[in-house]
Protein backbone atom coordinates (compact mmCIF):
# COMPACT_ATOMS: atom_id res chain seq x y z
CA UNK A 1 3.51 14.70 -7.84
CA UNK A 2 6.21 12.08 -7.25
CA UNK A 3 6.67 12.66 -3.53
CA UNK A 4 9.77 10.49 -3.35
CA UNK A 5 11.54 12.72 -5.88
CA UNK A 6 10.24 15.87 -4.18
CA UNK A 7 11.66 14.77 -0.83
CA UNK A 8 14.97 13.69 -2.36
CA UNK A 9 15.38 17.21 -3.77
CA UNK A 10 14.27 18.85 -0.52
CA UNK A 11 17.04 16.91 1.26
CA UNK A 12 19.71 18.33 -1.07
CA UNK A 13 23.24 18.06 0.34
CA UNK A 14 24.62 20.47 -2.25
CA UNK A 15 26.67 23.12 -0.47
CA UNK A 16 26.11 26.80 -1.24
CA UNK A 17 29.14 27.91 -3.23
CA UNK A 18 30.88 24.51 -3.12
CA UNK A 19 28.87 21.83 -4.94
CA UNK A 20 27.94 18.39 -3.62
CA UNK A 21 28.84 17.68 0.01
CA UNK A 22 31.11 14.64 0.54
CA UNK A 23 29.60 13.36 3.78
CA UNK A 24 30.33 9.93 5.25
CA UNK A 25 28.16 7.41 7.08
CA UNK A 26 29.91 8.32 10.34
CA UNK A 27 29.54 12.07 9.81
CA UNK A 28 26.95 13.14 7.26
CA UNK A 29 26.94 16.46 5.45
CA UNK A 30 24.13 17.67 7.71
CA UNK A 31 26.07 16.75 10.85
CA UNK A 32 29.03 18.66 9.41
CA UNK A 33 26.75 21.69 9.05
CA UNK A 34 25.88 21.48 12.75
CA UNK A 35 29.57 21.42 13.66
CA UNK A 36 30.38 24.35 11.37
CA UNK A 37 27.74 26.47 13.09
CA UNK A 38 28.95 25.53 16.59
CA UNK A 39 32.48 26.74 15.84
CA UNK A 40 31.49 30.17 14.50
CA UNK A 41 32.15 33.34 16.46
CA UNK A 42 28.57 34.47 15.78
CA UNK A 43 27.22 31.39 17.56
CA UNK A 44 29.55 31.88 20.55
CA UNK A 45 28.32 35.45 20.95
CA UNK A 46 24.81 34.16 21.62
CA UNK A 47 25.99 33.45 25.18
CA UNK A 48 25.60 37.17 25.92
CA UNK A 49 22.51 37.98 23.90
CA UNK A 50 19.06 38.48 25.36
CA UNK A 51 16.53 35.67 25.44
CA UNK A 52 13.88 37.36 27.58
CA UNK A 53 15.68 38.94 30.53
CA UNK A 54 18.57 41.13 29.29
CA UNK A 55 21.86 41.25 31.19
CA UNK A 56 20.46 38.96 33.88
CA UNK A 57 22.63 38.48 36.98
CA UNK A 58 21.23 34.99 37.53
CA UNK A 59 23.30 32.12 36.16
CA UNK A 60 20.12 30.03 35.90
CA UNK A 61 18.38 32.19 33.30
CA UNK A 62 18.65 31.17 29.66
CA UNK A 63 20.49 33.16 27.01
CA UNK A 64 20.13 32.91 23.24
CA UNK A 65 22.92 30.33 23.32
CA UNK A 66 21.21 27.95 25.73
CA UNK A 67 17.86 28.53 24.01
CA UNK A 68 19.39 27.63 20.64
CA UNK A 69 20.97 24.46 22.05
CA UNK A 70 17.69 23.41 23.63
CA UNK A 71 15.77 24.13 20.42
CA UNK A 72 18.27 22.05 18.43
CA UNK A 73 17.72 19.08 20.76
CA UNK A 74 13.95 19.36 20.41
CA UNK A 75 14.27 19.85 16.65
CA UNK A 76 16.45 16.76 16.25
CA UNK A 77 13.89 14.57 17.98
CA UNK A 78 10.96 16.04 16.06
CA UNK A 79 12.76 15.77 12.73
CA UNK A 80 13.67 12.14 13.32
CA UNK A 81 10.08 11.19 14.24
CA UNK A 82 8.70 12.83 11.09
CA UNK A 83 11.55 11.48 8.97
CA UNK A 84 10.91 7.88 9.98
CA UNK A 85 7.32 8.08 8.70
CA UNK A 86 8.23 10.00 5.50
CA UNK A 87 10.87 7.40 4.60
CA UNK A 88 8.38 4.58 5.16
CA UNK A 89 5.60 6.29 3.21
CA UNK A 90 7.62 7.04 0.09
CA UNK A 91 10.39 4.47 0.11
CA UNK A 92 13.21 6.98 0.23
CA UNK A 93 16.57 5.38 -0.52
CA UNK A 94 19.91 6.22 1.09
CA UNK A 95 18.15 8.41 3.64
CA UNK A 96 17.75 7.81 7.37
CA UNK A 97 15.44 9.37 9.91
CA UNK A 98 18.57 10.80 11.53
CA UNK A 99 19.17 12.89 8.40
CA UNK A 100 15.85 14.65 8.93
CA UNK A 101 16.78 15.17 12.58
CA UNK A 102 20.24 16.49 11.72
CA UNK A 103 18.85 19.01 9.20
CA UNK A 104 16.29 20.37 11.66
CA UNK A 105 18.83 20.39 14.51
CA UNK A 106 21.36 22.41 12.49
CA UNK A 107 18.72 24.90 11.37
CA UNK A 108 17.47 25.26 14.97
CA UNK A 109 21.01 25.77 16.21
CA UNK A 110 21.40 28.77 13.89
CA UNK A 111 17.86 30.12 14.02
CA UNK A 112 18.73 33.05 16.35
CA UNK A 113 22.27 33.67 15.12
CA UNK A 114 21.24 36.94 13.46
CA UNK A 115 19.52 38.46 16.49
CA UNK A 116 20.97 41.87 17.45
CA UNK A 117 21.62 42.91 21.07
CA UNK A 118 18.55 43.28 23.31
CA UNK A 119 16.44 40.73 21.45
CA UNK A 120 13.44 41.82 19.42
CA UNK A 121 13.70 45.28 20.96
CA UNK A 122 17.08 45.51 19.25
CA UNK A 123 15.45 44.85 15.88
CA UNK A 124 12.94 47.60 16.59
CA UNK A 125 15.74 49.96 17.58
CA UNK A 126 17.63 49.39 14.33
CA UNK A 127 14.48 49.83 12.23
CA UNK A 128 13.51 53.00 14.03
CA UNK A 129 16.95 54.58 13.76
CA UNK A 130 17.14 54.05 10.00
CA UNK A 131 13.61 55.41 9.55
CA UNK A 132 14.34 58.67 11.36
CA UNK A 133 18.06 59.15 10.62
CA UNK A 134 17.58 60.75 7.20
CA UNK A 135 20.50 58.74 5.78
CA UNK A 136 18.34 56.64 3.49
CA UNK A 137 16.97 59.75 1.77
CA UNK A 138 20.49 60.85 0.79
CA UNK A 139 20.84 57.96 -1.65
CA UNK A 140 18.98 56.65 -4.65
CA UNK A 141 18.04 53.34 -3.05
CA UNK A 142 15.54 51.00 -4.64
CA UNK A 143 12.35 50.45 -2.60
CA UNK A 144 13.63 46.97 -1.70
CA UNK A 145 17.01 48.25 -0.51
CA UNK A 146 15.31 50.93 1.58
CA UNK A 147 12.92 48.34 3.04
CA UNK A 148 15.89 46.19 4.13
CA UNK A 149 16.78 48.92 6.63
CA UNK A 150 13.33 50.21 7.56
CA UNK A 151 12.01 46.68 8.16
CA UNK A 152 15.32 45.31 9.48
CA UNK A 153 14.95 41.64 10.37
CA UNK A 154 17.12 39.33 12.48
CA UNK A 155 16.07 36.35 10.37
CA UNK A 156 17.57 37.97 7.27
CA UNK A 157 20.69 38.87 9.25
CA UNK A 158 20.99 35.22 10.25
CA UNK A 159 20.95 34.05 6.63
CA UNK A 160 23.52 36.74 5.84
CA UNK A 161 25.79 35.55 8.65
CA UNK A 162 25.85 31.89 7.66
CA UNK A 163 25.97 32.49 3.89
CA UNK A 164 28.33 35.49 3.72
CA UNK A 165 29.79 37.02 6.88
CA UNK A 166 31.22 33.88 8.50
CA UNK A 167 34.17 32.53 6.45
CA UNK A 168 33.82 35.53 4.08
CA UNK A 169 36.67 34.37 1.82
CA UNK A 170 34.47 31.44 0.72
CA UNK A 171 31.67 31.85 -1.81
CA UNK A 172 28.62 30.97 0.24
CA UNK A 173 30.25 31.72 3.61
CA UNK A 174 30.04 28.59 5.77
CA UNK A 175 28.96 26.69 2.65
CA UNK A 176 26.16 24.90 4.46
CA UNK A 177 23.96 22.42 2.60
CA UNK A 178 20.96 23.73 0.72
CA UNK A 179 18.64 21.55 2.83
CA UNK A 180 19.82 23.17 6.06
CA UNK A 181 19.79 26.73 4.63
CA UNK A 182 16.27 26.30 3.24
CA UNK A 183 15.03 24.76 6.50
CA UNK A 184 16.64 27.63 8.42
CA UNK A 185 14.75 30.23 6.33
CA UNK A 186 11.27 30.43 7.87
CA UNK A 187 10.38 33.49 5.75
CA UNK A 188 11.62 32.81 2.20
CA UNK A 189 10.85 36.24 0.75
CA UNK A 190 12.57 39.65 0.41
CA UNK A 191 11.67 42.72 2.45
CA UNK A 192 9.66 44.37 -0.34
CA UNK A 193 7.08 42.72 -2.62
CA UNK A 194 4.34 44.28 -4.74
CA UNK A 195 1.55 42.96 -2.54
CA UNK A 196 1.36 41.41 0.91
CA UNK A 197 1.82 37.65 1.05
CA UNK A 198 -0.76 35.78 3.18
CA UNK A 199 0.17 32.99 5.55
CA UNK A 200 2.71 32.64 8.33
CA UNK A 201 5.75 32.51 6.03
CA UNK A 202 4.90 35.88 4.48
CA UNK A 203 4.78 37.91 7.71
CA UNK A 204 8.52 38.69 7.81
CA UNK A 205 11.42 38.45 5.37
CA UNK A 206 14.36 36.08 5.26
CA UNK A 207 17.15 37.68 3.23
CA UNK A 208 18.47 41.10 2.25
CA UNK A 209 18.75 42.25 -1.35
CA UNK A 210 22.52 41.67 -1.37
CA UNK A 211 21.94 38.04 -0.38
CA UNK A 212 19.05 37.29 -2.71
CA UNK A 213 21.14 35.46 -5.31
CA UNK A 214 22.42 33.14 -2.59
CA UNK A 215 18.90 32.26 -1.56
CA UNK A 216 17.86 31.75 -5.18
CA UNK A 217 20.56 29.08 -5.44
CA UNK A 218 19.27 27.42 -2.28
CA UNK A 219 15.67 27.51 -3.54
CA UNK A 220 16.60 25.96 -6.88
CA UNK A 221 18.73 23.28 -5.28
CA UNK A 222 15.91 22.16 -2.96
CA UNK A 223 13.05 22.72 -5.42
CA UNK A 224 11.09 25.14 -3.25
CA UNK A 225 7.64 26.07 -4.57
CA UNK A 226 7.61 29.59 -6.04
CA UNK A 227 5.15 32.24 -4.85
CA UNK A 228 6.59 35.06 -6.96
CA UNK A 229 8.86 33.90 -9.80
CA UNK A 230 12.50 33.96 -8.71
CA UNK A 231 11.63 36.29 -5.81
CA UNK A 232 9.54 34.60 -3.10
CA UNK A 233 8.93 30.95 -2.25
CA UNK A 234 6.89 28.62 -0.08
CA UNK A 235 8.62 27.25 3.00
CA UNK A 236 10.78 24.18 3.00
CA UNK A 237 8.56 21.63 4.80
CA UNK A 238 11.10 21.08 7.58
CA UNK A 239 11.03 24.82 8.39
CA UNK A 240 7.66 24.14 10.06
CA UNK A 241 9.47 21.83 12.46
CA UNK A 242 12.08 24.49 13.26
CA UNK A 243 9.23 26.84 14.14
CA UNK A 244 7.72 24.24 16.47
CA UNK A 245 11.03 23.61 18.22
CA UNK A 246 11.63 27.34 18.67
CA UNK A 247 8.11 28.10 19.89
CA UNK A 248 8.08 25.10 22.22
CA UNK A 249 11.35 26.05 23.85
CA UNK A 250 10.84 29.77 24.16
CA UNK A 251 7.28 29.59 25.52
CA UNK A 252 7.75 26.73 27.95
CA UNK A 253 11.22 27.57 29.21
CA UNK A 254 10.48 31.30 29.37
CA UNK A 255 7.65 30.36 31.72
CA UNK A 256 10.07 28.26 33.77
CA UNK A 257 12.60 31.13 33.92
CA UNK A 258 9.89 33.61 34.89
CA UNK A 259 8.77 31.40 37.78
CA UNK A 260 12.37 31.09 38.94
CA UNK A 261 12.71 34.90 38.96
CA UNK A 262 9.38 35.40 40.74
CA UNK A 263 7.43 37.04 37.90
CA UNK A 264 4.97 34.11 37.73
CA UNK A 265 3.91 32.13 40.84
CA UNK A 266 5.18 28.55 40.79
CA UNK A 267 1.63 27.21 41.23
CA UNK A 268 0.40 29.14 38.19
CA UNK A 269 3.32 27.87 36.11
CA UNK A 270 2.60 24.31 37.29
CA UNK A 271 -1.05 24.53 36.23
CA UNK A 272 -0.17 25.86 32.79
CA UNK A 273 2.45 23.18 32.17
CA UNK A 274 0.15 20.46 33.49
CA UNK A 275 -2.54 21.53 30.99
CA UNK A 276 0.02 21.24 28.19
CA UNK A 277 1.32 17.88 29.39
CA UNK A 278 -2.19 16.43 29.66
CA UNK A 279 -2.44 12.70 30.37
CA UNK A 280 1.31 12.14 29.91
CA UNK A 281 1.86 13.08 33.57
CA UNK A 282 2.73 10.29 35.99
CA UNK A 283 0.76 11.42 39.04
CA UNK A 284 2.69 9.21 41.43
CA UNK A 285 6.04 10.55 40.34
CA UNK A 286 4.84 14.16 40.45
CA UNK A 287 3.54 13.62 44.00
CA UNK A 288 7.00 12.45 45.07
CA UNK A 289 8.53 15.73 43.91
CA UNK A 290 8.27 18.43 46.56
CA UNK A 291 10.75 21.05 45.37
CA UNK A 292 8.89 23.56 43.10
CA UNK A 293 11.85 23.74 40.72
CA UNK A 294 11.94 19.95 40.29
CA UNK A 295 8.18 19.81 39.76
CA UNK A 296 8.44 22.43 37.01
CA UNK A 297 11.33 20.60 35.36
CA UNK A 298 9.33 17.38 35.29
CA UNK A 299 6.21 19.08 33.89
CA UNK A 300 8.31 20.98 31.36
CA UNK A 301 9.75 17.73 29.99
CA UNK A 302 6.29 16.14 29.76
CA UNK A 303 4.81 19.24 28.10
CA UNK A 304 7.55 19.35 25.49
CA UNK A 305 7.04 15.66 24.73
CA UNK A 306 3.32 16.15 24.16
CA UNK A 307 3.84 19.22 21.99
CA UNK A 308 6.25 17.32 19.75
CA UNK A 309 3.90 14.37 19.43
CA UNK A 310 1.07 16.70 18.41
CA UNK A 311 3.21 18.68 15.98
CA UNK A 312 4.45 15.53 14.25
CA UNK A 313 0.87 14.32 13.89
CA UNK A 314 -0.32 17.56 12.30
CA UNK A 315 2.67 17.63 9.94
CA UNK A 316 2.08 14.08 8.73
CA UNK A 317 -1.67 14.62 8.35
CA UNK A 318 -1.04 17.68 6.19
CA UNK A 319 1.99 16.45 4.27
CA UNK A 320 0.39 16.89 0.83
CA UNK A 321 -0.65 20.49 1.54
CA UNK A 322 2.75 21.27 3.05
CA UNK A 323 4.56 19.92 -0.01
CA UNK A 324 2.44 21.88 -2.51
CA UNK A 325 2.60 25.05 -0.41
CA UNK A 326 -1.10 25.39 0.37
CA UNK A 327 -0.54 24.81 4.12
CA UNK A 328 1.02 27.88 5.72
CA UNK A 329 0.01 27.91 9.38
CA UNK A 330 1.67 27.03 12.66
CA UNK A 331 1.51 23.30 13.28
CA UNK A 332 0.73 23.63 16.98
CA UNK A 333 -2.22 25.96 16.30
CA UNK A 334 -3.88 23.07 14.45
CA UNK A 335 -3.37 20.57 17.27
CA UNK A 336 -5.22 19.76 20.53
CA UNK A 337 -2.55 21.63 22.50
CA UNK A 338 -3.35 24.88 20.69
CA UNK A 339 -5.73 26.14 23.41
CA UNK A 340 -3.48 25.54 26.46
CA UNK A 341 -0.54 26.92 24.48
CA UNK A 342 -2.47 30.15 23.90
CA UNK A 343 -2.96 30.38 27.66
CA UNK A 344 0.82 30.24 28.15
CA UNK A 345 1.29 32.86 25.43
CA UNK A 346 -1.26 35.14 27.14
CA UNK A 347 0.63 34.94 30.45
CA UNK A 348 3.91 35.54 28.61
CA UNK A 349 2.63 38.69 26.91
CA UNK A 350 0.93 40.09 30.00
CA UNK A 351 3.51 39.19 32.64
CA UNK A 352 6.84 37.89 31.35
CA UNK A 353 7.65 40.04 28.32
CA UNK A 354 6.43 43.17 30.09
CA UNK A 355 8.35 42.56 33.33
CA UNK A 356 9.82 45.83 34.54
CA UNK A 357 13.52 44.78 34.43
CA UNK A 358 13.16 43.55 30.86
CA UNK A 359 11.36 46.72 29.73
CA UNK A 360 13.88 49.01 31.43
CA UNK A 361 16.89 47.44 29.75
CA UNK A 362 15.19 46.98 26.38
CA UNK A 363 14.21 50.66 26.41
CA UNK A 364 17.80 51.59 27.20
CA UNK A 365 18.78 49.40 24.24
CA UNK A 366 17.11 51.89 21.89
CA UNK A 367 19.48 54.59 23.16
CA UNK A 368 22.55 52.32 22.98
CA UNK A 369 21.97 50.93 19.49
CA UNK A 370 20.72 54.22 18.09
CA UNK A 371 23.83 56.02 19.33
CA UNK A 372 26.21 53.38 17.94
CA UNK A 373 24.49 53.35 14.56
CA UNK A 374 24.63 57.14 14.41
CA UNK A 375 28.33 57.27 15.28
CA UNK A 376 29.48 54.66 12.79
CA UNK A 377 27.01 55.32 9.98
CA UNK A 378 27.83 59.03 9.96
CA UNK A 379 31.51 58.14 10.05
CA UNK A 380 31.43 55.90 6.96
CA UNK A 381 29.23 58.39 5.12
CA UNK A 382 31.73 61.18 5.77
CA UNK A 383 34.66 58.94 4.84
CA UNK A 384 32.94 58.12 1.55
CA UNK A 385 32.66 61.85 0.74
CA UNK A 386 28.86 61.82 0.63
CA UNK A 387 27.66 65.35 -0.24
CA UNK A 388 26.71 67.31 2.83
CA UNK A 389 29.16 65.49 5.10
CA UNK A 390 32.62 66.39 6.36
CA UNK A 391 35.13 64.08 8.02
CA UNK A 392 35.91 65.29 11.54
CA UNK A 393 38.89 64.34 13.67
CA UNK A 394 36.65 62.23 15.88
CA UNK A 395 35.24 60.39 12.87
CA UNK A 396 38.74 59.57 11.69
CA UNK A 397 39.29 57.93 15.07
CA UNK A 398 35.94 56.12 14.88
CA UNK A 399 36.81 54.75 11.45
CA UNK A 400 39.85 53.05 12.99
CA UNK A 401 37.55 51.38 15.55
CA UNK A 402 35.43 49.81 12.80
CA UNK A 403 36.78 46.29 12.16
CA UNK A 404 38.13 45.79 8.65
CA UNK A 405 35.59 43.06 7.83
CA UNK A 406 32.87 45.72 7.99
CA UNK A 407 34.60 47.94 5.44
CA UNK A 408 35.14 47.66 1.69
CA UNK A 409 38.28 46.55 -0.10
CA UNK A 410 41.39 48.39 1.03
CA UNK A 411 40.01 49.11 4.49
CA UNK A 412 37.85 52.04 3.38
CA UNK A 413 34.04 52.30 3.41
CA UNK A 414 32.41 50.56 0.45
CA UNK A 415 31.63 52.81 -2.49
CA UNK A 416 28.11 51.38 -2.73
CA UNK A 417 26.02 53.24 -0.11
CA UNK A 418 23.63 50.28 0.33
CA UNK A 419 26.50 47.90 1.13
CA UNK A 420 28.22 50.55 3.23
CA UNK A 421 25.25 51.04 5.56
CA UNK A 422 24.47 47.32 5.61
CA UNK A 423 28.00 46.68 6.87
CA UNK A 424 27.48 49.17 9.71
CA UNK A 425 24.30 47.30 10.62
CA UNK A 426 26.31 44.05 10.46
CA UNK A 427 28.78 45.47 12.98
CA UNK A 428 26.22 46.75 15.48
CA UNK A 429 23.86 43.78 15.17
CA UNK A 430 26.72 41.36 15.77
CA UNK A 431 27.55 42.84 19.17
CA UNK A 432 26.62 41.13 22.41
CA UNK A 433 24.47 43.00 24.92
CA UNK A 434 27.42 43.70 27.23
CA UNK A 435 29.78 44.72 24.43
CA UNK A 436 27.24 47.15 22.99
CA UNK A 437 26.69 48.78 26.41
CA UNK A 438 30.43 48.93 27.08
CA UNK A 439 31.23 50.51 23.71
CA UNK A 440 28.39 52.99 24.09
CA UNK A 441 29.61 54.10 27.53
CA UNK A 442 33.20 54.49 26.32
CA UNK A 443 32.39 56.36 23.10
CA UNK A 444 29.98 58.66 24.91
CA UNK A 445 32.57 59.36 27.61
CA UNK A 446 30.54 57.86 30.45
CA UNK A 447 33.28 55.33 31.18
CA UNK A 448 36.91 55.51 30.17
CA UNK A 449 39.00 52.46 29.24
CA UNK A 450 41.14 51.23 32.14
């Protein structure tokens, strides 16, 4: 294996749907990708999407927007550290460590862009509604098309947003570089395969059937290793770094947020972060900090620094296995910080993610999203003259409330039932938490427009 050539292909700046990217030294193609994501409406909507605590009244608590920004900062640093060593090892030409950092930062920035309202509970709500609605049985869907709905996945919705729904007049949507799109896709497989795929990258899926051709182009451009010919692939190596940045931010800062809200005692949070930070702590400086919030902020920064150092070390030690696809685990699990990180995860599962306010609103999210899906899916089915349906006066009104970008050509529901229902899911999944609740209350008559 010529690793220099492998890496040069993995760092492909070819844009999906637009050919080679004309970046400059001042603003590379990968930096342009970052900017394109920032200016999308889907990214802006992350400001009102659940991180852990839905619809929080505190202006301190993180949203998906702040989480994504923090993850992109961590990812940029981690990518640059790894990139510096990869360039030195293989003599890569016309590549800088900052290119690695920019690719990982852009992918991190977009990594949650497909999350529906109410976080992971929102994904569960969408899956459950399609499983019990009976709509899927009305149509002759392929097993893979049916699985797209029954196993609905925010990661696949994210790829759909950046490659199709944003800038829809363009082939390839935002026309991001193949390197960024491949790095973004932590689960490079469809929803349905003949047998289960082992390893971390096979646990979920990364693209819907309608978007599979787009991902095939990305995979070919970057030279991803195939698992199933033209169907499923091994991860882009830099996707492991996106996972580290995401996990680092959500576990550590969720702990910080939980302490701020009183769900975890400050002293307990301090001990957990101190274990993660290890010998990087400056005891004298920590002793000078008396405010619990400031102490946590200091320990959080030290913990993140140690996690990144460990992750970079594991990546570089396993570079050969990562490149040939035989390594498919979480980097941090293989590092010395794996044990204290599991302690944080245990507290998160037992205390933070099961906090009563979070559970109450997430449970309500099932009712909200289920009701909205039912209203609009039944409307487009009736408008498409599906046997057994009849267009009511109310459904004619609802059809006018469905934005034109979620309909077929001519402003009517798409003739293809798979695309038609996928567009309804696009509409509901794209809502913010507050917008979904507001629309639900209005359409159910619980609150009238003023």
